[in-house]
């Protein structure tokens, strides 16, 4: 069974992935199928809490 990406008009920046068999259920709640989900924004690692040792520069 394959997965399908869906979006909701009230949540345009929050696509979801559901099983193909669940598409009718989600469509009844206003979701629609999208071709590909938009790429997630890159996440930056936080340097907070990282200690620098004498070996690092």
N, C-alpha and C. Protein backbone atom coordinates (compact mmCIF):
# COMPACT_ATOMS: atom_id res chain seq x y z
N UNK A 1 0.85 -1.17 0.00
CA UNK A 1 0.00 0.00 0.00
C UNK A 1 0.89 1.24 0.00
N UNK A 2 0.50 2.25 -0.76
CA UNK A 2 1.34 3.43 -0.88
C UNK A 2 0.83 4.57 0.01
N UNK A 3 1.69 5.55 0.20
CA UNK A 3 1.35 6.72 0.98
C UNK A 3 1.02 7.87 0.05
N UNK A 4 0.18 8.78 0.54
CA UNK A 4 -0.28 9.93 -0.24
C UNK A 4 -0.07 11.18 0.60
N UNK A 5 0.40 12.25 -0.02
CA UNK A 5 0.54 13.53 0.67
C UNK A 5 -0.73 14.33 0.49
N UNK A 6 -1.17 14.95 1.60
CA UNK A 6 -2.40 15.73 1.57
C UNK A 6 -2.18 17.05 2.28
N UNK A 7 -3.02 18.03 1.93
CA UNK A 7 -2.99 19.34 2.58
C UNK A 7 -4.42 19.76 2.87
N UNK A 8 -4.56 20.72 3.79
CA UNK A 8 -5.88 21.24 4.15
C UNK A 8 -5.86 22.75 3.92
N UNK A 9 -6.94 23.31 3.40
CA UNK A 9 -6.96 24.75 3.14
C UNK A 9 -6.69 25.61 4.38
N UNK A 10 -7.09 25.13 5.56
CA UNK A 10 -6.87 25.89 6.78
C UNK A 10 -5.46 25.70 7.34
N UNK A 11 -4.74 24.70 6.83
CA UNK A 11 -3.38 24.39 7.30
C UNK A 11 -2.44 24.23 6.11
N UNK A 12 -2.26 25.26 5.29
CA UNK A 12 -1.49 25.10 4.05
C UNK A 12 -0.02 24.75 4.25
N UNK A 13 0.55 25.10 5.38
CA UNK A 13 1.97 24.83 5.61
C UNK A 13 2.20 23.55 6.41
N UNK A 14 1.16 22.74 6.56
CA UNK A 14 1.29 21.52 7.34
C UNK A 14 0.77 20.31 6.57
N UNK A 15 1.48 19.89 5.51
CA UNK A 15 1.04 18.71 4.77
C UNK A 15 1.18 17.46 5.64
N UNK A 16 0.35 16.47 5.34
CA UNK A 16 0.41 15.20 6.05
C UNK A 16 0.59 14.08 5.04
N UNK A 17 1.04 12.94 5.52
CA UNK A 17 1.18 11.75 4.69
C UNK A 17 0.29 10.68 5.30
N UNK A 18 -0.60 10.13 4.47
CA UNK A 18 -1.52 9.10 4.94
C UNK A 18 -1.48 7.91 3.99
N UNK A 19 -1.96 6.78 4.46
CA UNK A 19 -2.09 5.61 3.59
C UNK A 19 -3.15 5.89 2.53
N UNK A 20 -2.97 5.31 1.38
CA UNK A 20 -3.89 5.51 0.27
C UNK A 20 -5.32 5.14 0.65
N UNK A 21 -5.48 4.14 1.48
CA UNK A 21 -6.82 3.70 1.89
C UNK A 21 -7.52 4.73 2.78
N UNK A 22 -6.78 5.66 3.39
CA UNK A 22 -7.36 6.67 4.27
C UNK A 22 -7.72 7.96 3.54
N UNK A 23 -7.45 8.04 2.25
CA UNK A 23 -7.71 9.27 1.49
C UNK A 23 -9.19 9.66 1.53
N UNK A 24 -10.13 8.76 1.28
CA UNK A 24 -11.55 9.18 1.30
C UNK A 24 -11.96 9.77 2.66
N UNK A 25 -11.48 9.19 3.73
CA UNK A 25 -11.81 9.69 5.07
C UNK A 25 -11.29 11.12 5.24
N UNK A 26 -10.05 11.38 4.83
CA UNK A 26 -9.47 12.71 4.97
C UNK A 26 -10.14 13.71 4.01
N UNK A 27 -10.49 13.26 2.80
CA UNK A 27 -11.15 14.15 1.86
C UNK A 27 -12.51 14.60 2.40
N UNK A 28 -13.18 13.73 3.13
CA UNK A 28 -14.47 14.10 3.73
C UNK A 28 -14.31 15.20 4.77
N UNK A 29 -13.11 15.32 5.33
CA UNK A 29 -12.83 16.35 6.33
C UNK A 29 -12.19 17.60 5.71
N UNK A 30 -12.12 17.66 4.37
CA UNK A 30 -11.63 18.85 3.70
C UNK A 30 -10.20 18.77 3.19
N UNK A 31 -9.50 17.67 3.43
CA UNK A 31 -8.13 17.52 2.94
C UNK A 31 -8.17 17.21 1.45
N UNK A 32 -7.10 17.58 0.74
CA UNK A 32 -6.99 17.26 -0.69
C UNK A 32 -5.60 16.72 -0.97
N UNK A 33 -5.51 15.89 -2.01
CA UNK A 33 -4.25 15.26 -2.39
C UNK A 33 -3.35 16.28 -3.06
N UNK A 34 -2.07 16.27 -2.69
CA UNK A 34 -1.07 17.12 -3.34
C UNK A 34 -0.03 16.21 -3.98
N UNK A 35 0.60 16.70 -5.02
CA UNK A 35 1.59 15.89 -5.74
C UNK A 35 2.79 15.58 -4.87
N UNK A 36 3.44 16.59 -4.39
CA UNK A 36 4.59 16.39 -3.51
C UNK A 36 4.50 17.41 -2.38
N UNK A 37 4.85 17.01 -1.17
CA UNK A 37 4.81 17.98 -0.09
C UNK A 37 5.90 19.03 -0.25
N UNK A 38 5.66 20.24 0.21
CA UNK A 38 6.71 21.25 0.12
C UNK A 38 7.88 20.85 1.02
N UNK A 39 9.10 21.21 0.62
CA UNK A 39 10.24 20.83 1.43
C UNK A 39 10.20 21.50 2.80
N UNK A 40 10.63 20.76 3.79
CA UNK A 40 10.68 21.31 5.15
C UNK A 40 11.83 22.31 5.23
N UNK A 41 11.64 23.37 5.99
CA UNK A 41 12.74 24.33 6.11
C UNK A 41 13.92 23.68 6.81
N UNK A 42 15.14 24.05 6.43
CA UNK A 42 16.32 23.45 7.07
C UNK A 42 16.37 23.81 8.55
N UNK A 43 16.78 22.85 9.35
CA UNK A 43 16.89 23.08 10.78
C UNK A 43 18.35 23.25 11.13
N UNK A 44 18.62 24.25 11.93
CA UNK A 44 20.00 24.50 12.36
C UNK A 44 20.20 23.89 13.73
N UNK A 45 21.33 23.27 13.89
CA UNK A 45 21.68 22.71 15.18
C UNK A 45 22.03 23.84 16.13
N UNK A 46 21.61 23.70 17.34
CA UNK A 46 21.88 24.72 18.33
C UNK A 46 23.23 24.45 19.00
N UNK A 47 24.02 25.50 19.16
CA UNK A 47 25.32 25.36 19.82
C UNK A 47 25.19 25.54 21.33
N UNK A 48 23.99 25.85 21.79
CA UNK A 48 23.77 26.09 23.21
C UNK A 48 24.08 24.82 24.01
N UNK A 49 24.80 24.98 25.08
CA UNK A 49 25.12 23.85 25.95
C UNK A 49 26.34 23.07 25.50
N UNK A 50 26.95 23.46 24.41
CA UNK A 50 28.12 22.76 23.91
C UNK A 50 29.37 23.38 24.51
N UNK A 51 30.18 22.55 25.10
CA UNK A 51 31.43 23.06 25.69
C UNK A 51 32.55 22.96 24.68
N UNK A 52 33.41 23.93 24.71
CA UNK A 52 34.58 23.91 23.83
C UNK A 52 35.77 23.44 24.63
N UNK A 53 36.47 22.44 24.11
CA UNK A 53 37.64 21.92 24.79
C UNK A 53 38.88 22.56 24.19
N UNK A 54 40.03 22.32 24.79
CA UNK A 54 41.27 22.89 24.30
C UNK A 54 41.66 22.38 22.93
N UNK A 55 41.12 21.23 22.51
CA UNK A 55 41.48 20.66 21.20
C UNK A 55 40.71 21.35 20.08
N UNK A 56 39.57 21.94 20.39
CA UNK A 56 38.79 22.61 19.35
C UNK A 56 39.23 24.05 19.23
N UNK A 57 39.13 24.60 18.04
CA UNK A 57 39.46 26.01 17.88
C UNK A 57 38.37 26.75 17.16
